[in-house]
Amino acid sequence: MHNPLTVNGLSAAYQKKPVLDNVSFQVNGGELIGIIGPNGAGKSTLIKTILGLIPRLSGEVTVFGKPYSSQRKLIGYVPQRESVDWDFPTNALDVVLMGRYGRLGWFRRPGLDDKRLAMECLAKVGMADYAGRQISQLSGGQQQRVFLARALAQDARLYLMDEPFAGVDAATEKAIITLLQELKKQEKTVIVVHHDLSTVKEYFDSVLLLNVTLQAYGPTETVFTAANLNRTYGGRLGFLERLGHMDPFSAEGR
């Protein structure tokens, strides 16, 4: 069995400024993995470069042992909500149906089975009653749920999600993590760009700490330590002391 994702020596730049430098890792199947790091660390760039949305300077990406270009159908992607044109004239159901085109091809129209599956995906994220609603009329949390439903409709084996928890209400956050846990039970692999350090231990099996270069990667209980966090964030971690329900400064992390 091949690993769901293997990244070797991946580098990328914006206008000649390095954003990713020689990043290498491989993920295990059936895990929830958080990508953690400061602003500008290259977290979103890593996701986009893996997906070929940003050209790589060097490196290789394989998905289940084959080049990404031949494995697109196996990957579901949830972009940052801010990067989506929410004024595009379409409703929630049509957005979710877009997730089926990878399997149908662009010249086949979704059939009744596809529409039934799309409605099931909307129901899983609590949005079935909004299927006919224009996406511009939905709240930020509702829009995020619709994009999660689209990813579910792809029926992927590997999911890449760029800050799905950003700017959502507590109910939506709970719905999202419930969905991620369900995907894990189905032995899917989910990689999530995440910014809230207080929930890392609760949400993720493994963490990848990134600041242009890979700082650490592995099981959350061994990698998510004060030493690794301080190296990743450059010592700017005073705010962690205010997170009473999280203790990154465990004995093993000192």
C-alpha atoms as a PDB file:
ATOM      1  CA  MET A   1       0.000   0.000   0.000  1.00  0.00           C
ATOM      2  CA  HIS A   2       1.313   3.419  -0.983  1.00  0.00           C
ATOM      3  CA  ASN A   3       1.091   6.461   1.283  1.00  0.00           C
ATOM      4  CA  PRO A   4      -1.763   8.811   0.364  1.00  0.00           C
ATOM      5  CA  LEU A   5       0.677  11.677  -0.138  1.00  0.00           C
ATOM      6  CA  THR A   6       4.460  11.841  -0.473  1.00  0.00           C
ATOM      7  CA  VAL A   7       6.244  15.173  -0.955  1.00  0.00           C
ATOM      8  CA  ASN A   8       9.969  15.232  -1.770  1.00  0.00           C
ATOM      9  CA  GLY A   9      12.089  18.390  -1.894  1.00  0.00           C
ATOM     10  CA  LEU A  10       9.208  20.733  -2.704  1.00  0.00           C
ATOM     11  CA  SER A  11      10.187  24.387  -3.218  1.00  0.00           C
ATOM     12  CA  ALA A  12       8.160  27.362  -4.427  1.00  0.00           C
ATOM     13  CA  ALA A  13       8.569  31.143  -4.652  1.00  0.00           C
ATOM     14  CA  TYR A  14       6.580  34.336  -5.219  1.00  0.00           C
ATOM     15  CA  GLN A  15       8.449  36.889  -7.363  1.00  0.00           C
ATOM     16  CA  LYS A  16      11.748  35.156  -6.604  1.00  0.00           C
ATOM     17  CA  LYS A  17      11.096  35.225  -2.839  1.00  0.00           C
ATOM     18  CA  PRO A  18      11.266  31.681  -1.402  1.00  0.00           C
ATOM     19  CA  VAL A  19       7.983  30.623   0.184  1.00  0.00           C
ATOM     20  CA  LEU A  20       8.672  26.899   0.467  1.00  0.00           C
ATOM     21  CA  ASP A  21      12.176  25.525   0.723  1.00  0.00           C
ATOM     22  CA  ASN A  22      12.965  21.839   0.247  1.00  0.00           C
ATOM     23  CA  VAL A  23       9.898  20.488   2.072  1.00  0.00           C
ATOM     24  CA  SER A  24       9.686  16.684   2.332  1.00  0.00           C
ATOM     25  CA  PHE A  25       7.193  14.478   4.185  1.00  0.00           C
ATOM     26  CA  GLN A  26       4.772  11.604   3.702  1.00  0.00           C
ATOM     27  CA  VAL A  27       1.416  11.102   5.367  1.00  0.00           C
ATOM     28  CA  ASN A  28      -0.203   7.962   6.674  1.00  0.00           C
ATOM     29  CA  GLY A  29      -3.642   6.822   5.602  1.00  0.00           C
ATOM     30  CA  GLY A  30      -6.727   7.434   7.726  1.00  0.00           C
ATOM     31  CA  GLU A  31      -5.328  10.396   9.663  1.00  0.00           C
ATOM     32  CA  LEU A  32      -6.369  13.975  10.371  1.00  0.00           C
ATOM     33  CA  ILE A  33      -3.280  16.133   9.857  1.00  0.00           C
ATOM     34  CA  GLY A  34      -2.940  19.796  10.756  1.00  0.00           C
ATOM     35  CA  ILE A  35      -0.548  22.178   8.977  1.00  0.00           C
ATOM     36  CA  ILE A  36       0.506  24.765  11.557  1.00  0.00           C
ATOM     37  CA  GLY A  37       2.683  27.869  11.304  1.00  0.00           C
ATOM     38  CA  PRO A  38       2.730  31.673  11.465  1.00  0.00           C
ATOM     39  CA  ASN A  39       1.286  34.012   8.852  1.00  0.00           C
ATOM     40  CA  GLY A  40       3.410  33.937   5.721  1.00  0.00           C
ATOM     41  CA  ALA A  41       4.889  30.558   6.595  1.00  0.00           C
ATOM     42  CA  GLY A  42       3.770  28.986   3.315  1.00  0.00           C
ATOM     43  CA  LYS A  43       0.893  26.855   4.625  1.00  0.00           C
ATOM     44  CA  SER A  44      -1.593  27.723   1.870  1.00  0.00           C
ATOM     45  CA  THR A  45       1.229  27.756  -0.668  1.00  0.00           C
ATOM     46  CA  LEU A  46       2.087  24.188   0.305  1.00  0.00           C
ATOM     47  CA  ILE A  47      -1.480  23.041  -0.389  1.00  0.00           C
ATOM     48  CA  LYS A  48      -1.667  24.924  -3.694  1.00  0.00           C
ATOM     49  CA  THR A  49       1.735  23.715  -4.856  1.00  0.00           C
ATOM     50  CA  ILE A  50       0.798  20.109  -4.103  1.00  0.00           C
ATOM     51  CA  LEU A  51      -2.329  20.629  -6.224  1.00  0.00           C
ATOM     52  CA  GLY A  52      -0.399  22.250  -9.067  1.00  0.00           C
ATOM     53  CA  LEU A  53      -2.164  25.598  -8.603  1.00  0.00           C
ATOM     54  CA  ILE A  54       1.223  27.222  -7.975  1.00  0.00           C
ATOM     55  CA  PRO A  55       4.232  26.124 -10.031  1.00  0.00           C
ATOM     56  CA  ARG A  56       6.957  24.379  -8.072  1.00  0.00           C
ATOM     57  CA  LEU A  57      10.590  25.326  -8.401  1.00  0.00           C
ATOM     58  CA  SER A  58      11.659  21.803  -7.552  1.00  0.00           C
ATOM     59  CA  GLY A  59      10.445  18.617  -5.956  1.00  0.00           C
ATOM     60  CA  GLU A  60       8.031  15.797  -6.570  1.00  0.00           C
ATOM     61  CA  VAL A  61       4.513  15.019  -5.368  1.00  0.00           C
ATOM     62  CA  THR A  62       2.997  11.558  -5.517  1.00  0.00           C
ATOM     63  CA  VAL A  63      -0.512  10.523  -4.523  1.00  0.00           C
ATOM     64  CA  PHE A  64      -0.907   6.847  -3.666  1.00  0.00           C
ATOM     65  CA  GLY A  65       2.396   6.193  -5.375  1.00  0.00           C
ATOM     66  CA  LYS A  66       1.656   7.961  -8.668  1.00  0.00           C
ATOM     67  CA  PRO A  67       2.145  11.538  -9.942  1.00  0.00           C
ATOM     68  CA  TYR A  68      -0.552  13.952  -8.826  1.00  0.00           C
ATOM     69  CA  SER A  69      -1.537  14.685 -12.432  1.00  0.00           C
ATOM     70  CA  SER A  70      -2.818  11.127 -12.851  1.00  0.00           C
ATOM     71  CA  GLN A  71      -4.559  10.980  -9.464  1.00  0.00           C
ATOM     72  CA  ARG A  72      -6.710  14.112  -9.455  1.00  0.00           C
ATOM     73  CA  LYS A  73      -9.927  12.137  -9.010  1.00  0.00           C
ATOM     74  CA  LEU A  74      -8.684  10.858  -5.667  1.00  0.00           C
ATOM     75  CA  ILE A  75      -8.269  14.334  -4.161  1.00  0.00           C
ATOM     76  CA  GLY A  76     -10.876  16.674  -2.699  1.00  0.00           C
ATOM     77  CA  TYR A  77      -9.993  20.337  -2.152  1.00  0.00           C
ATOM     78  CA  VAL A  78     -11.611  23.006   0.031  1.00  0.00           C
ATOM     79  CA  PRO A  79     -10.067  26.436  -0.723  1.00  0.00           C
ATOM     80  CA  GLN A  80      -9.971  29.424   1.600  1.00  0.00           C
ATOM     81  CA  ARG A  81     -13.386  31.042   1.629  1.00  0.00           C
ATOM     82  CA  GLU A  82     -11.851  34.442   0.846  1.00  0.00           C
ATOM     83  CA  SER A  83     -10.501  33.130  -2.464  1.00  0.00           C
ATOM     84  CA  VAL A  84     -13.953  32.248  -3.853  1.00  0.00           C
ATOM     85  CA  ASP A  85     -16.154  34.563  -5.940  1.00  0.00           C
ATOM     86  CA  TRP A  86     -19.345  34.291  -3.915  1.00  0.00           C
ATOM     87  CA  ASP A  87     -21.211  36.609  -6.303  1.00  0.00           C
ATOM     88  CA  PHE A  88     -21.132  33.953  -9.020  1.00  0.00           C
ATOM     89  CA  PRO A  89     -24.795  33.282  -9.947  1.00  0.00           C
ATOM     90  CA  THR A  90     -25.316  29.710  -8.781  1.00  0.00           C
ATOM     91  CA  ASN A  91     -27.092  27.920  -5.965  1.00  0.00           C
ATOM     92  CA  ALA A  92     -25.798  25.602  -3.272  1.00  0.00           C
ATOM     93  CA  LEU A  93     -26.844  22.400  -5.045  1.00  0.00           C
ATOM     94  CA  ASP A  94     -25.063  23.385  -8.253  1.00  0.00           C
ATOM     95  CA  VAL A  95     -21.883  24.153  -6.310  1.00  0.00           C
ATOM     96  CA  VAL A  96     -21.938  20.683  -4.772  1.00  0.00           C
ATOM     97  CA  LEU A  97     -22.624  19.091  -8.168  1.00  0.00           C
ATOM     98  CA  MET A  98     -19.392  20.675  -9.420  1.00  0.00           C
ATOM     99  CA  GLY A  99     -17.659  18.135  -7.230  1.00  0.00           C
ATOM    100  CA  ARG A 100     -18.958  15.363  -9.491  1.00  0.00           C
ATOM    101  CA  TYR A 101     -17.388  16.639 -12.711  1.00  0.00           C
ATOM    102  CA  GLY A 102     -14.021  15.083 -11.907  1.00  0.00           C
ATOM    103  CA  ARG A 103     -15.659  11.671 -12.229  1.00  0.00           C
ATOM    104  CA  LEU A 104     -18.196  12.557 -14.933  1.00  0.00           C
ATOM    105  CA  GLY A 105     -15.969  14.602 -17.204  1.00  0.00           C
ATOM    106  CA  TRP A 106     -16.929  18.097 -18.315  1.00  0.00           C
ATOM    107  CA  PHE A 107     -19.107  16.935 -21.212  1.00  0.00           C
ATOM    108  CA  ARG A 108     -21.488  14.741 -19.217  1.00  0.00           C
ATOM    109  CA  ARG A 109     -24.306  16.309 -17.271  1.00  0.00           C
ATOM    110  CA  PRO A 110     -24.965  15.136 -13.708  1.00  0.00           C
ATOM    111  CA  GLY A 111     -27.767  12.580 -13.553  1.00  0.00           C
ATOM    112  CA  LEU A 112     -30.335  11.768 -10.902  1.00  0.00           C
ATOM    113  CA  ASP A 113     -27.856   9.667  -8.930  1.00  0.00           C
ATOM    114  CA  ASP A 114     -25.402  12.580  -8.858  1.00  0.00           C
ATOM    115  CA  LYS A 115     -28.104  14.966  -7.672  1.00  0.00           C
ATOM    116  CA  ARG A 116     -29.189  12.482  -5.010  1.00  0.00           C
ATOM    117  CA  LEU A 117     -25.606  12.178  -3.793  1.00  0.00           C
ATOM    118  CA  ALA A 118     -25.200  15.968  -3.794  1.00  0.00           C
ATOM    119  CA  MET A 119     -28.299  16.332  -1.627  1.00  0.00           C
ATOM    120  CA  GLU A 120     -26.956  13.688   0.747  1.00  0.00           C
ATOM    121  CA  CYS A 121     -23.715  15.648   1.034  1.00  0.00           C
ATOM    122  CA  LEU A 122     -25.619  18.857   1.753  1.00  0.00           C
ATOM    123  CA  ALA A 123     -27.596  17.009   4.414  1.00  0.00           C
ATOM    124  CA  LYS A 124     -24.384  15.813   6.073  1.00  0.00           C
ATOM    125  CA  VAL A 125     -23.295  19.410   6.594  1.00  0.00           C
ATOM    126  CA  GLY A 126     -26.758  20.608   7.620  1.00  0.00           C
ATOM    127  CA  MET A 127     -27.464  22.502   4.387  1.00  0.00           C
ATOM    128  CA  ALA A 128     -30.125  20.399   2.627  1.00  0.00           C
ATOM    129  CA  ASP A 129     -32.770  23.069   3.239  1.00  0.00           C
ATOM    130  CA  TYR A 130     -30.602  25.614   1.417  1.00  0.00           C
ATOM    131  CA  ALA A 131     -30.040  23.615  -1.781  1.00  0.00           C
ATOM    132  CA  GLY A 132     -31.848  26.178  -3.959  1.00  0.00           C
ATOM    133  CA  ARG A 133     -30.407  29.238  -2.228  1.00  0.00           C
ATOM    134  CA  GLN A 134     -27.972  31.453  -4.129  1.00  0.00           C
ATOM    135  CA  ILE A 135     -24.537  31.155  -2.558  1.00  0.00           C
ATOM    136  CA  SER A 136     -24.258  34.948  -2.310  1.00  0.00           C
ATOM    137  CA  GLN A 137     -27.251  34.865   0.068  1.00  0.00           C
ATOM    138  CA  LEU A 138     -25.604  32.446   2.497  1.00  0.00           C
ATOM    139  CA  SER A 139     -23.663  33.378   5.606  1.00  0.00           C
ATOM    140  CA  GLY A 140     -19.924  32.754   5.762  1.00  0.00           C
ATOM    141  CA  GLY A 141     -20.380  29.586   7.794  1.00  0.00           C
ATOM    142  CA  GLN A 142     -23.052  28.311   5.421  1.00  0.00           C
ATOM    143  CA  GLN A 143     -20.832  28.984   2.403  1.00  0.00           C
ATOM    144  CA  GLN A 144     -18.051  27.001   4.049  1.00  0.00           C
ATOM    145  CA  ARG A 145     -20.412  24.086   4.658  1.00  0.00           C
ATOM    146  CA  VAL A 146     -21.432  24.102   0.993  1.00  0.00           C
ATOM    147  CA  PHE A 147     -17.803  23.834  -0.096  1.00  0.00           C
ATOM    148  CA  LEU A 148     -17.271  20.983   2.329  1.00  0.00           C
ATOM    149  CA  ALA A 149     -20.288  19.259   0.770  1.00  0.00           C
ATOM    150  CA  ARG A 150     -18.732  19.774  -2.673  1.00  0.00           C
ATOM    151  CA  ALA A 151     -15.547  18.067  -1.482  1.00  0.00           C
ATOM    152  CA  LEU A 152     -17.614  15.185  -0.093  1.00  0.00           C
ATOM    153  CA  ALA A 153     -19.377  14.825  -3.448  1.00  0.00           C
ATOM    154  CA  GLN A 154     -15.999  14.176  -5.065  1.00  0.00           C
ATOM    155  CA  ASP A 155     -15.841  10.927  -3.073  1.00  0.00           C
ATOM    156  CA  ALA A 156     -12.097  11.410  -2.684  1.00  0.00           C
ATOM    157  CA  ARG A 157      -9.572   9.385  -0.693  1.00  0.00           C
ATOM    158  CA  LEU A 158      -7.366  12.364   0.200  1.00  0.00           C
ATOM    159  CA  TYR A 159      -8.739  15.764   1.224  1.00  0.00           C
ATOM    160  CA  LEU A 160      -6.798  19.038   1.360  1.00  0.00           C
ATOM    161  CA  MET A 161      -8.555  21.847   3.222  1.00  0.00           C
ATOM    162  CA  ASP A 162      -7.250  25.412   3.488  1.00  0.00           C
ATOM    163  CA  GLU A 163      -8.398  26.908   6.811  1.00  0.00           C
ATOM    164  CA  PRO A 164     -11.930  25.456   6.840  1.00  0.00           C
ATOM    165  CA  PHE A 165     -12.457  26.686  10.417  1.00  0.00           C
ATOM    166  CA  ALA A 166     -11.522  30.317   9.717  1.00  0.00           C
ATOM    167  CA  GLY A 167     -14.273  32.816  10.445  1.00  0.00           C
ATOM    168  CA  VAL A 168     -17.039  30.280  11.142  1.00  0.00           C
ATOM    169  CA  ASP A 169     -19.384  30.154  14.115  1.00  0.00           C
ATOM    170  CA  ALA A 170     -19.201  27.535  16.857  1.00  0.00           C
ATOM    171  CA  ALA A 171     -21.996  25.435  15.341  1.00  0.00           C
ATOM    172  CA  THR A 172     -20.250  25.288  11.959  1.00  0.00           C
ATOM    173  CA  GLU A 173     -16.912  24.446  13.571  1.00  0.00           C
ATOM    174  CA  LYS A 174     -18.549  21.568  15.421  1.00  0.00           C
ATOM    175  CA  ALA A 175     -20.192  20.365  12.195  1.00  0.00           C
ATOM    176  CA  ILE A 176     -16.862  20.500  10.366  1.00  0.00           C
ATOM    177  CA  ILE A 177     -14.894  18.512  12.943  1.00  0.00           C
ATOM    178  CA  THR A 178     -17.712  15.954  13.135  1.00  0.00           C
ATOM    179  CA  LEU A 179     -17.464  15.568   9.365  1.00  0.00           C
ATOM    180  CA  LEU A 180     -13.683  15.203   9.490  1.00  0.00           C
ATOM    181  CA  GLN A 181     -13.998  12.494  12.123  1.00  0.00           C
ATOM    182  CA  GLU A 182     -16.493  10.694   9.892  1.00  0.00           C
ATOM    183  CA  LEU A 183     -14.049  10.825   6.969  1.00  0.00           C
ATOM    184  CA  LYS A 184     -11.361   9.387   9.221  1.00  0.00           C
ATOM    185  CA  LYS A 185     -13.639   6.484  10.166  1.00  0.00           C
ATOM    186  CA  GLN A 186     -13.978   5.809   6.441  1.00  0.00           C
ATOM    187  CA  GLU A 187     -10.145   5.590   6.299  1.00  0.00           C
ATOM    188  CA  LYS A 188      -9.881   8.820   4.337  1.00  0.00           C
ATOM    189  CA  THR A 189      -6.897  11.103   4.898  1.00  0.00           C
ATOM    190  CA  VAL A 190      -7.534  14.781   5.624  1.00  0.00           C
ATOM    191  CA  ILE A 191      -4.868  17.514   5.636  1.00  0.00           C
ATOM    192  CA  VAL A 192      -6.012  20.837   7.109  1.00  0.00           C
ATOM    193  CA  VAL A 193      -4.323  24.248   7.206  1.00  0.00           C
ATOM    194  CA  HIS A 194      -5.174  25.427  10.723  1.00  0.00           C
ATOM    195  CA  HIS A 195      -4.460  28.533  12.781  1.00  0.00           C
ATOM    196  CA  ASP A 196      -6.078  27.936  16.180  1.00  0.00           C
ATOM    197  CA  LEU A 197      -3.383  26.358  18.343  1.00  0.00           C
ATOM    198  CA  SER A 198      -5.815  25.786  21.207  1.00  0.00           C
ATOM    199  CA  THR A 199      -7.662  23.040  19.297  1.00  0.00           C
ATOM    200  CA  VAL A 200      -4.727  21.257  17.670  1.00  0.00           C
ATOM    201  CA  LYS A 201      -4.414  18.510  20.274  1.00  0.00           C
ATOM    202  CA  GLU A 202      -8.156  17.881  20.181  1.00  0.00           C
ATOM    203  CA  TYR A 203      -8.556  17.826  16.405  1.00  0.00           C
ATOM    204  CA  PHE A 204      -5.476  16.255  14.813  1.00  0.00           C
ATOM    205  CA  ASP A 205      -3.668  12.924  14.916  1.00  0.00           C
ATOM    206  CA  SER A 206      -0.506  14.445  13.432  1.00  0.00           C
ATOM    207  CA  VAL A 207       0.821  17.943  12.874  1.00  0.00           C
ATOM    208  CA  LEU A 208       3.159  19.455  10.307  1.00  0.00           C
ATOM    209  CA  LEU A 209       4.921  22.566  11.626  1.00  0.00           C
ATOM    210  CA  LEU A 210       5.955  24.848   8.773  1.00  0.00           C
ATOM    211  CA  ASN A 211       7.802  28.132   8.413  1.00  0.00           C
ATOM    212  CA  VAL A 212       9.102  28.160   4.835  1.00  0.00           C
ATOM    213  CA  THR A 213      11.000  25.002   5.733  1.00  0.00           C
ATOM    214  CA  LEU A 214       9.605  21.970   7.503  1.00  0.00           C
ATOM    215  CA  GLN A 215      10.180  22.459  11.237  1.00  0.00           C
ATOM    216  CA  ALA A 216       8.706  19.192  12.512  1.00  0.00           C
ATOM    217  CA  TYR A 217       6.206  16.546  11.492  1.00  0.00           C
ATOM    218  CA  GLY A 218       4.713  13.581  13.297  1.00  0.00           C
ATOM    219  CA  PRO A 219       2.155  12.473  15.900  1.00  0.00           C
ATOM    220  CA  THR A 220       0.586  15.418  17.707  1.00  0.00           C
ATOM    221  CA  GLU A 221       1.472  14.161  21.184  1.00  0.00           C
ATOM    222  CA  THR A 222       5.193  14.108  20.369  1.00  0.00           C
ATOM    223  CA  VAL A 223       5.563  16.982  17.874  1.00  0.00           C
ATOM    224  CA  PHE A 224       3.222  19.651  19.264  1.00  0.00           C
ATOM    225  CA  THR A 225       5.629  20.850  21.969  1.00  0.00           C
ATOM    226  CA  ALA A 226       6.833  24.217  23.227  1.00  0.00           C
ATOM    227  CA  ALA A 227      10.301  23.683  21.764  1.00  0.00           C
ATOM    228  CA  ASN A 228       8.953  22.950  18.284  1.00  0.00           C
ATOM    229  CA  LEU A 229       6.381  25.744  18.440  1.00  0.00           C
ATOM    230  CA  ASN A 230       8.944  28.313  19.522  1.00  0.00           C
ATOM    231  CA  ARG A 231      11.239  27.281  16.684  1.00  0.00           C
ATOM    232  CA  THR A 232       8.346  27.467  14.198  1.00  0.00           C
ATOM    233  CA  TYR A 233       6.995  30.819  15.382  1.00  0.00           C
ATOM    234  CA  GLY A 234      10.361  32.407  16.082  1.00  0.00           C
ATOM    235  CA  GLY A 235       9.737  32.758  19.816  1.00  0.00           C
ATOM    236  CA  ARG A 236       6.567  34.824  19.354  1.00  0.00           C
ATOM    237  CA  LEU A 237       4.413  32.632  21.556  1.00  0.00           C
ATOM    238  CA  GLY A 238       3.585  34.698  24.612  1.00  0.00           C
ATOM    239  CA  PHE A 239      -0.113  34.511  23.807  1.00  0.00           C
ATOM    240  CA  LEU A 240      -0.076  30.747  24.411  1.00  0.00           C
ATOM    241  CA  GLU A 241       0.243  31.342  28.129  1.00  0.00           C
ATOM    242  CA  ARG A 242      -3.333  32.643  28.063  1.00  0.00           C
ATOM    243  CA  LEU A 243      -4.727  29.405  26.639  1.00  0.00           C
ATOM    244  CA  GLY A 244      -5.716  27.721  29.873  1.00  0.00           C
ATOM    245  CA  HIS A 245      -7.155  24.569  28.278  1.00  0.00           C
ATOM    246  CA  MET A 246      -4.035  23.948  26.225  1.00  0.00           C
ATOM    247  CA  ASP A 247      -0.619  23.123  27.630  1.00  0.00           C
ATOM    248  CA  PRO A 248       2.003  23.086  24.898  1.00  0.00           C
ATOM    249  CA  PHE A 249       4.613  23.699  27.551  1.00  0.00           C
ATOM    250  CA  SER A 250       4.577  20.143  28.822  1.00  0.00           C
ATOM    251  CA  ALA A 251       7.649  18.632  30.385  1.00  0.00           C
ATOM    252  CA  GLU A 252       8.497  16.796  27.200  1.00  0.00           C
ATOM    253  CA  GLY A 253       8.367  20.058  25.246  1.00  0.00           C
ATOM    254  CA  ARG A 254      10.738  22.055  27.452  1.00  0.00           C
END
